[in-house]
């Protein structure tokens, strides 16, 4: 059981890394961070299509990574 959760944790980590690398950048350098950063923070721009799918997949993989990390740490502890 311990090995299964460790393998799932590695798969979730690799999936999370690849999904984050597939996403487009939200701002164009320092000027985008100063002027347009607040628009992305408060949701004035809506993601559509592939961007929306990658965003939701990132959230799902991040949640599964954290849950699996806690489960693995519980099994290693005991």
PDB file of N, CA and C in Angstrom:
ATOM      1  N   UNK A   1       0.833  -1.193   0.000  1.00  0.00           N
ATOM      2  CA  UNK A   1       0.000   0.000   0.000  1.00  0.00           C
ATOM      3  C   UNK A   1       0.878   1.257   0.000  1.00  0.00           C
ATOM      4  N   UNK A   2       1.958   1.204   0.758  1.00  0.00           N
ATOM      5  CA  UNK A   2       2.883   2.329   0.856  1.00  0.00           C
ATOM      6  C   UNK A   2       3.517   2.633  -0.502  1.00  0.00           C
ATOM      7  N   UNK A   3       3.922   1.601  -1.203  1.00  0.00           N
ATOM      8  CA  UNK A   3       4.558   1.769  -2.510  1.00  0.00           C
ATOM      9  C   UNK A   3       3.565   2.344  -3.524  1.00  0.00           C
ATOM     10  N   UNK A   4       2.318   1.903  -3.459  1.00  0.00           N
ATOM     11  CA  UNK A   4       1.296   2.395  -4.382  1.00  0.00           C
ATOM     12  C   UNK A   4       1.095   3.905  -4.230  1.00  0.00           C
ATOM     13  N   UNK A   5       1.012   4.379  -2.986  1.00  0.00           N
ATOM     14  CA  UNK A   5       0.820   5.803  -2.760  1.00  0.00           C
ATOM     15  C   UNK A   5       2.042   6.615  -3.183  1.00  0.00           C
ATOM     16  N   UNK A   6       3.236   6.064  -3.009  1.00  0.00           N
ATOM     17  CA  UNK A   6       4.443   6.754  -3.461  1.00  0.00           C
ATOM     18  C   UNK A   6       4.492   6.857  -4.979  1.00  0.00           C
ATOM     19  N   UNK A   7       4.086   5.810  -5.674  1.00  0.00           N
ATOM     20  CA  UNK A   7       4.047   5.843  -7.131  1.00  0.00           C
ATOM     21  C   UNK A   7       3.007   6.854  -7.608  1.00  0.00           C
ATOM     22  N   UNK A   8       1.832   6.876  -6.968  1.00  0.00           N
ATOM     23  CA  UNK A   8       0.798   7.853  -7.321  1.00  0.00           C
ATOM     24  C   UNK A   8       1.268   9.285  -7.055  1.00  0.00           C
ATOM     25  N   UNK A   9       2.043   9.477  -5.990  1.00  0.00           N
ATOM     26  CA  UNK A   9       2.578  10.796  -5.683  1.00  0.00           C
ATOM     27  C   UNK A   9       3.565  11.262  -6.753  1.00  0.00           C
ATOM     28  N   UNK A  10       4.400  10.356  -7.225  1.00  0.00           N
ATOM     29  CA  UNK A  10       5.355  10.692  -8.286  1.00  0.00           C
ATOM     30  C   UNK A  10       4.620  11.012  -9.584  1.00  0.00           C
ATOM     31  N   UNK A  11       3.584  10.246  -9.906  1.00  0.00           N
ATOM     32  CA  UNK A  11       2.800  10.508 -11.113  1.00  0.00           C
ATOM     33  C   UNK A  11       2.105  11.862 -11.016  1.00  0.00           C
ATOM     34  N   UNK A  12       1.540  12.180  -9.848  1.00  0.00           N
ATOM     35  CA  UNK A  12       0.878  13.471  -9.658  1.00  0.00           C
ATOM     36  C   UNK A  12       1.878  14.617  -9.770  1.00  0.00           C
ATOM     37  N   UNK A  13       3.082  14.433  -9.231  1.00  0.00           N
ATOM     38  CA  UNK A  13       4.106  15.479  -9.307  1.00  0.00           C
ATOM     39  C   UNK A  13       4.548  15.717 -10.746  1.00  0.00           C
ATOM     40  N   UNK A  14       4.802  14.650 -11.488  1.00  0.00           N
ATOM     41  CA  UNK A  14       5.210  14.799 -12.884  1.00  0.00           C
ATOM     42  C   UNK A  14       4.090  15.393 -13.731  1.00  0.00           C
ATOM     43  N   UNK A  15       2.860  14.990 -13.455  1.00  0.00           N
ATOM     44  CA  UNK A  15       1.725  15.567 -14.174  1.00  0.00           C
ATOM     45  C   UNK A  15       1.565  17.043 -13.884  1.00  0.00           C
ATOM     46  N   UNK A  16       1.731  17.428 -12.624  1.00  0.00           N
ATOM     47  CA  UNK A  16       1.613  18.832 -12.243  1.00  0.00           C
ATOM     48  C   UNK A  16       2.705  19.674 -12.895  1.00  0.00           C
ATOM     49  N   UNK A  17       3.917  19.163 -12.929  1.00  0.00           N
ATOM     50  CA  UNK A  17       5.018  19.877 -13.580  1.00  0.00           C
ATOM     51  C   UNK A  17       4.736  20.063 -15.063  1.00  0.00           C
ATOM     52  N   UNK A  18       4.283  19.011 -15.730  1.00  0.00           N
ATOM     53  CA  UNK A  18       4.049  19.114 -17.170  1.00  0.00           C
ATOM     54  C   UNK A  18       2.882  20.035 -17.497  1.00  0.00           C
ATOM     55  N   UNK A  19       1.819  20.022 -16.681  1.00  0.00           N
ATOM     56  CA  UNK A  19       0.670  20.884 -16.947  1.00  0.00           C
ATOM     57  C   UNK A  19       1.036  22.348 -16.727  1.00  0.00           C
ATOM     58  N   UNK A  20       1.829  22.631 -15.713  1.00  0.00           N
ATOM     59  CA  UNK A  20       2.243  24.012 -15.467  1.00  0.00           C
ATOM     60  C   UNK A  20       3.133  24.509 -16.599  1.00  0.00           C
ATOM     61  N   UNK A  21       3.991  23.659 -17.110  1.00  0.00           N
ATOM     62  CA  UNK A  21       4.865  24.070 -18.208  1.00  0.00           C
ATOM     63  C   UNK A  21       4.106  24.258 -19.520  1.00  0.00           C
ATOM     64  N   UNK A  22       2.968  23.605 -19.677  1.00  0.00           N
ATOM     65  CA  UNK A  22       2.174  23.751 -20.900  1.00  0.00           C
ATOM     66  C   UNK A  22       1.375  25.053 -20.932  1.00  0.00           C
ATOM     67  N   UNK A  23       1.165  25.682 -19.793  1.00  0.00           N
ATOM     68  CA  UNK A  23       0.347  26.884 -19.746  1.00  0.00           C
ATOM     69  C   UNK A  23       1.092  28.091 -20.301  1.00  0.00           C
ATOM     70  N   UNK A  24       0.311  29.022 -20.841  1.00  0.00           N
ATOM     71  CA  UNK A  24       0.882  30.264 -21.353  1.00  0.00           C
ATOM     72  C   UNK A  24       1.131  31.218 -20.199  1.00  0.00           C
ATOM     73  N   UNK A  25       2.086  32.130 -20.403  1.00  0.00           N
ATOM     74  CA  UNK A  25       2.340  33.160 -19.419  1.00  0.00           C
ATOM     75  C   UNK A  25       1.197  34.153 -19.385  1.00  0.00           C
ATOM     76  N   UNK A  26       0.858  34.653 -18.225  1.00  0.00           N
ATOM     77  CA  UNK A  26      -0.276  35.555 -18.083  1.00  0.00           C
ATOM     78  C   UNK A  26       0.104  37.019 -18.266  1.00  0.00           C
ATOM     79  N   UNK A  27       1.360  37.379 -18.108  1.00  0.00           N
ATOM     80  CA  UNK A  27       1.759  38.774 -18.267  1.00  0.00           C
ATOM     81  C   UNK A  27       3.044  38.841 -19.090  1.00  0.00           C
ATOM     82  N   UNK A  28       3.297  40.012 -19.630  1.00  0.00           N
ATOM     83  CA  UNK A  28       4.470  40.193 -20.475  1.00  0.00           C
ATOM     84  C   UNK A  28       5.546  40.942 -19.708  1.00  0.00           C
ATOM     85  N   UNK A  29       6.273  40.260 -18.889  1.00  0.00           N
ATOM     86  CA  UNK A  29       7.388  40.861 -18.177  1.00  0.00           C
ATOM     87  C   UNK A  29       6.974  41.748 -17.021  1.00  0.00           C
ATOM     88  N   UNK A  30       7.840  42.677 -16.683  1.00  0.00           N
ATOM     89  CA  UNK A  30       7.620  43.543 -15.532  1.00  0.00           C
ATOM     90  C   UNK A  30       6.480  44.517 -15.761  1.00  0.00           C
ATOM     91  N   UNK A  31       6.331  45.031 -16.971  1.00  0.00           N
ATOM     92  CA  UNK A  31       5.245  45.979 -17.238  1.00  0.00           C
ATOM     93  C   UNK A  31       3.882  45.305 -17.111  1.00  0.00           C
ATOM     94  N   UNK A  32       3.784  44.050 -17.505  1.00  0.00           N
ATOM     95  CA  UNK A  32       2.532  43.326 -17.348  1.00  0.00           C
ATOM     96  C   UNK A  32       2.235  43.011 -15.900  1.00  0.00           C
ATOM     97  N   UNK A  33       3.279  42.813 -15.119  1.00  0.00           N
ATOM     98  CA  UNK A  33       3.070  42.534 -13.699  1.00  0.00           C
ATOM     99  C   UNK A  33       2.578  43.769 -12.957  1.00  0.00           C
ATOM    100  N   UNK A  34       3.035  44.942 -13.380  1.00  0.00           N
ATOM    101  CA  UNK A  34       2.619  46.174 -12.709  1.00  0.00           C
ATOM    102  C   UNK A  34       1.227  46.595 -13.156  1.00  0.00           C
ATOM    103  N   UNK A  35       0.993  46.610 -14.458  1.00  0.00           N
ATOM    104  CA  UNK A  35      -0.274  47.151 -14.957  1.00  0.00           C
ATOM    105  C   UNK A  35      -1.381  46.112 -15.032  1.00  0.00           C
ATOM    106  N   UNK A  36      -1.083  44.911 -15.486  1.00  0.00           N
ATOM    107  CA  UNK A  36      -2.152  43.946 -15.734  1.00  0.00           C
ATOM    108  C   UNK A  36      -2.268  42.845 -14.714  1.00  0.00           C
ATOM    109  N   UNK A  37      -1.460  42.881 -13.684  1.00  0.00           N
ATOM    110  CA  UNK A  37      -1.512  41.812 -12.697  1.00  0.00           C
ATOM    111  C   UNK A  37      -2.793  41.785 -11.904  1.00  0.00           C
ATOM    112  N   UNK A  38      -3.354  42.947 -11.616  1.00  0.00           N
ATOM    113  CA  UNK A  38      -4.582  43.009 -10.828  1.00  0.00           C
ATOM    114  C   UNK A  38      -5.765  42.472 -11.616  1.00  0.00           C
ATOM    115  N   UNK A  39      -5.749  42.632 -12.928  1.00  0.00           N
ATOM    116  CA  UNK A  39      -6.853  42.128 -13.734  1.00  0.00           C
ATOM    117  C   UNK A  39      -6.934  40.617 -13.673  1.00  0.00           C
ATOM    118  N   UNK A  40      -5.798  39.952 -13.686  1.00  0.00           N
ATOM    119  CA  UNK A  40      -5.796  38.501 -13.599  1.00  0.00           C
ATOM    120  C   UNK A  40      -6.154  38.039 -12.196  1.00  0.00           C
ATOM    121  N   UNK A  41      -5.773  38.804 -11.203  1.00  0.00           N
ATOM    122  CA  UNK A  41      -6.032  38.426  -9.823  1.00  0.00           C
ATOM    123  C   UNK A  41      -7.518  38.474  -9.503  1.00  0.00           C
ATOM    124  N   UNK A  42      -8.202  39.468  -9.990  1.00  0.00           N
ATOM    125  CA  UNK A  42      -9.612  39.631  -9.658  1.00  0.00           C
ATOM    126  C   UNK A  42     -10.546  39.064 -10.713  1.00  0.00           C
ATOM    127  N   UNK A  43     -10.029  38.383 -11.695  1.00  0.00           N
ATOM    128  CA  UNK A  43     -10.851  37.641 -12.634  1.00  0.00           C
ATOM    129  C   UNK A  43     -11.529  38.460 -13.708  1.00  0.00           C
ATOM    130  N   UNK A  44     -10.945  39.559 -14.143  1.00  0.00           N
ATOM    131  CA  UNK A  44     -11.557  40.343 -15.213  1.00  0.00           C
ATOM    132  C   UNK A  44     -11.356  39.691 -16.573  1.00  0.00           C
ATOM    133  N   UNK A  45     -10.371  38.824 -16.675  1.00  0.00           N
ATOM    134  CA  UNK A  45     -10.185  38.092 -17.919  1.00  0.00           C
ATOM    135  C   UNK A  45     -10.597  36.647 -17.684  1.00  0.00           C
ATOM    136  N   UNK A  46     -11.331  36.104 -18.616  1.00  0.00           N
ATOM    137  CA  UNK A  46     -11.837  34.741 -18.486  1.00  0.00           C
ATOM    138  C   UNK A  46     -11.017  33.799 -19.356  1.00  0.00           C
ATOM    139  N   UNK A  47     -10.680  32.652 -18.794  1.00  0.00           N
ATOM    140  CA  UNK A  47      -9.963  31.646 -19.562  1.00  0.00           C
ATOM    141  C   UNK A  47     -10.970  30.829 -20.372  1.00  0.00           C
ATOM    142  N   UNK A  48     -10.600  30.472 -21.586  1.00  0.00           N
ATOM    143  CA  UNK A  48     -11.483  29.707 -22.454  1.00  0.00           C
ATOM    144  C   UNK A  48     -10.702  28.581 -23.111  1.00  0.00           C
ATOM    145  N   UNK A  49     -11.410  27.534 -23.455  1.00  0.00           N
ATOM    146  CA  UNK A  49     -10.829  26.441 -24.226  1.00  0.00           C
ATOM    147  C   UNK A  49      -9.741  25.694 -23.488  1.00  0.00           C
ATOM    148  N   UNK A  50      -8.594  25.600 -24.153  1.00  0.00           N
ATOM    149  CA  UNK A  50      -7.472  24.841 -23.613  1.00  0.00           C
ATOM    150  C   UNK A  50      -6.928  25.472 -22.335  1.00  0.00           C
ATOM    151  N   UNK A  51      -6.933  26.798 -22.261  1.00  0.00           N
ATOM    152  CA  UNK A  51      -6.445  27.472 -21.055  1.00  0.00           C
ATOM    153  C   UNK A  51      -7.303  27.113 -19.842  1.00  0.00           C
ATOM    154  N   UNK A  52      -8.604  27.065 -20.036  1.00  0.00           N
ATOM    155  CA  UNK A  52      -9.509  26.709 -18.947  1.00  0.00           C
ATOM    156  C   UNK A  52      -9.298  25.266 -18.516  1.00  0.00           C
ATOM    157  N   UNK A  53      -9.129  24.369 -19.501  1.00  0.00           N
ATOM    158  CA  UNK A  53      -8.882  22.967 -19.188  1.00  0.00           C
ATOM    159  C   UNK A  53      -7.584  22.792 -18.414  1.00  0.00           C
ATOM    160  N   UNK A  54      -6.521  23.464 -18.860  1.00  0.00           N
ATOM    161  CA  UNK A  54      -5.238  23.352 -18.166  1.00  0.00           C
ATOM    162  C   UNK A  54      -5.299  23.953 -16.771  1.00  0.00           C
ATOM    163  N   UNK A  55      -6.067  25.026 -16.612  1.00  0.00           N
ATOM    164  CA  UNK A  55      -6.210  25.645 -15.297  1.00  0.00           C
ATOM    165  C   UNK A  55      -6.913  24.698 -14.331  1.00  0.00           C
ATOM    166  N   UNK A  56      -7.995  24.083 -14.788  1.00  0.00           N
ATOM    167  CA  UNK A  56      -8.723  23.137 -13.919  1.00  0.00           C
ATOM    168  C   UNK A  56      -7.916  21.882 -13.642  1.00  0.00           C
ATOM    169  N   UNK A  57      -7.177  21.407 -14.639  1.00  0.00           N
ATOM    170  CA  UNK A  57      -6.320  20.241 -14.445  1.00  0.00           C
ATOM    171  C   UNK A  57      -5.205  20.545 -13.446  1.00  0.00           C
ATOM    172  N   UNK A  58      -4.671  21.750 -13.483  1.00  0.00           N
ATOM    173  CA  UNK A  58      -3.641  22.159 -12.528  1.00  0.00           C
ATOM    174  C   UNK A  58      -4.192  22.148 -11.106  1.00  0.00           C
ATOM    175  N   UNK A  59      -5.387  22.667 -10.927  1.00  0.00           N
ATOM    176  CA  UNK A  59      -6.003  22.689  -9.598  1.00  0.00           C
ATOM    177  C   UNK A  59      -6.240  21.268  -9.092  1.00  0.00           C
ATOM    178  N   UNK A  60      -6.739  20.410  -9.961  1.00  0.00           N
ATOM    179  CA  UNK A  60      -6.984  19.017  -9.569  1.00  0.00           C
ATOM    180  C   UNK A  60      -5.711  18.271  -9.231  1.00  0.00           C
ATOM    181  N   UNK A  61      -4.685  18.446 -10.050  1.00  0.00           N
ATOM    182  CA  UNK A  61      -3.418  17.765  -9.780  1.00  0.00           C
ATOM    183  C   UNK A  61      -2.735  18.304  -8.527  1.00  0.00           C
ATOM    184  N   UNK A  62      -2.841  19.608  -8.295  1.00  0.00           N
ATOM    185  CA  UNK A  62      -2.249  20.181  -7.082  1.00  0.00           C
ATOM    186  C   UNK A  62      -2.952  19.656  -5.835  1.00  0.00           C
ATOM    187  N   UNK A  63      -4.268  19.575  -5.881  1.00  0.00           N
ATOM    188  CA  UNK A  63      -5.011  19.049  -4.735  1.00  0.00           C
ATOM    189  C   UNK A  63      -4.667  17.583  -4.490  1.00  0.00           C
ATOM    190  N   UNK A  64      -4.600  16.800  -5.557  1.00  0.00           N
ATOM    191  CA  UNK A  64      -4.254  15.389  -5.383  1.00  0.00           C
ATOM    192  C   UNK A  64      -2.816  15.229  -4.893  1.00  0.00           C
ATOM    193  N   UNK A  65      -1.914  16.095  -5.341  1.00  0.00           N
ATOM    194  CA  UNK A  65      -0.528  16.025  -4.871  1.00  0.00           C
ATOM    195  C   UNK A  65      -0.448  16.269  -3.360  1.00  0.00           C
ATOM    196  N   UNK A  66      -1.138  17.301  -2.883  1.00  0.00           N
ATOM    197  CA  UNK A  66      -1.086  17.596  -1.453  1.00  0.00           C
ATOM    198  C   UNK A  66      -1.744  16.504  -0.621  1.00  0.00           C
ATOM    199  N   UNK A  67      -2.851  15.979  -1.084  1.00  0.00           N
ATOM    200  CA  UNK A  67      -3.518  14.903  -0.342  1.00  0.00           C
ATOM    201  C   UNK A  67      -2.647  13.654  -0.319  1.00  0.00           C
ATOM    202  N   UNK A  68      -2.074  13.300  -1.468  1.00  0.00           N
ATOM    203  CA  UNK A  68      -1.192  12.129  -1.513  1.00  0.00           C
ATOM    204  C   UNK A  68       0.059  12.336  -0.678  1.00  0.00           C
ATOM    205  N   UNK A  69       0.578  13.548  -0.633  1.00  0.00           N
ATOM    206  CA  UNK A  69       1.756  13.818   0.199  1.00  0.00           C
ATOM    207  C   UNK A  69       1.433  13.608   1.668  1.00  0.00           C
ATOM    208  N   UNK A  70       0.237  14.020   2.099  1.00  0.00           N
ATOM    209  CA  UNK A  70      -0.152  13.799   3.495  1.00  0.00           C
ATOM    210  C   UNK A  70      -0.370  12.319   3.787  1.00  0.00           C
ATOM    211  N   UNK A  71      -0.941  11.590   2.838  1.00  0.00           N
ATOM    212  CA  UNK A  71      -1.164  10.159   3.033  1.00  0.00           C
ATOM    213  C   UNK A  71       0.167   9.415   3.110  1.00  0.00           C
ATOM    214  N   UNK A  72       1.090   9.756   2.219  1.00  0.00           N
ATOM    215  CA  UNK A  72       2.402   9.114   2.232  1.00  0.00           C
ATOM    216  C   UNK A  72       3.155   9.432   3.516  1.00  0.00           C
ATOM    217  N   UNK A  73       3.067  10.673   3.979  1.00  0.00           N
ATOM    218  CA  UNK A  73       3.752  11.015   5.224  1.00  0.00           C
ATOM    219  C   UNK A  73       3.146  10.295   6.420  1.00  0.00           C
ATOM    220  N   UNK A  74       1.848  10.037   6.373  1.00  0.00           N
ATOM    221  CA  UNK A  74       1.210   9.272   7.458  1.00  0.00           C
ATOM    222  C   UNK A  74       1.721   7.829   7.465  1.00  0.00           C
ATOM    223  N   UNK A  75       1.838   7.196   6.270  1.00  0.00           N
ATOM    224  CA  UNK A  75       2.316   5.825   6.225  1.00  0.00           C
ATOM    225  C   UNK A  75       3.785   5.715   6.573  1.00  0.00           C
ATOM    226  N   UNK A  76       4.583   6.698   6.238  1.00  0.00           N
ATOM    227  CA  UNK A  76       6.009   6.660   6.566  1.00  0.00           C
ATOM    228  C   UNK A  76       6.197   6.852   8.071  1.00  0.00           C
ATOM    229  N   UNK A  77       5.334   7.689   8.655  1.00  0.00           N
ATOM    230  CA  UNK A  77       5.422   7.969  10.086  1.00  0.00           C
ATOM    231  C   UNK A  77       5.099   6.747  10.915  1.00  0.00           C
ATOM    232  N   UNK A  78       4.128   5.958  10.482  1.00  0.00           N
ATOM    233  CA  UNK A  78       3.694   4.779  11.271  1.00  0.00           C
ATOM    234  C   UNK A  78       4.399   3.526  10.852  1.00  0.00           C
TER     235      UNK A  78
END
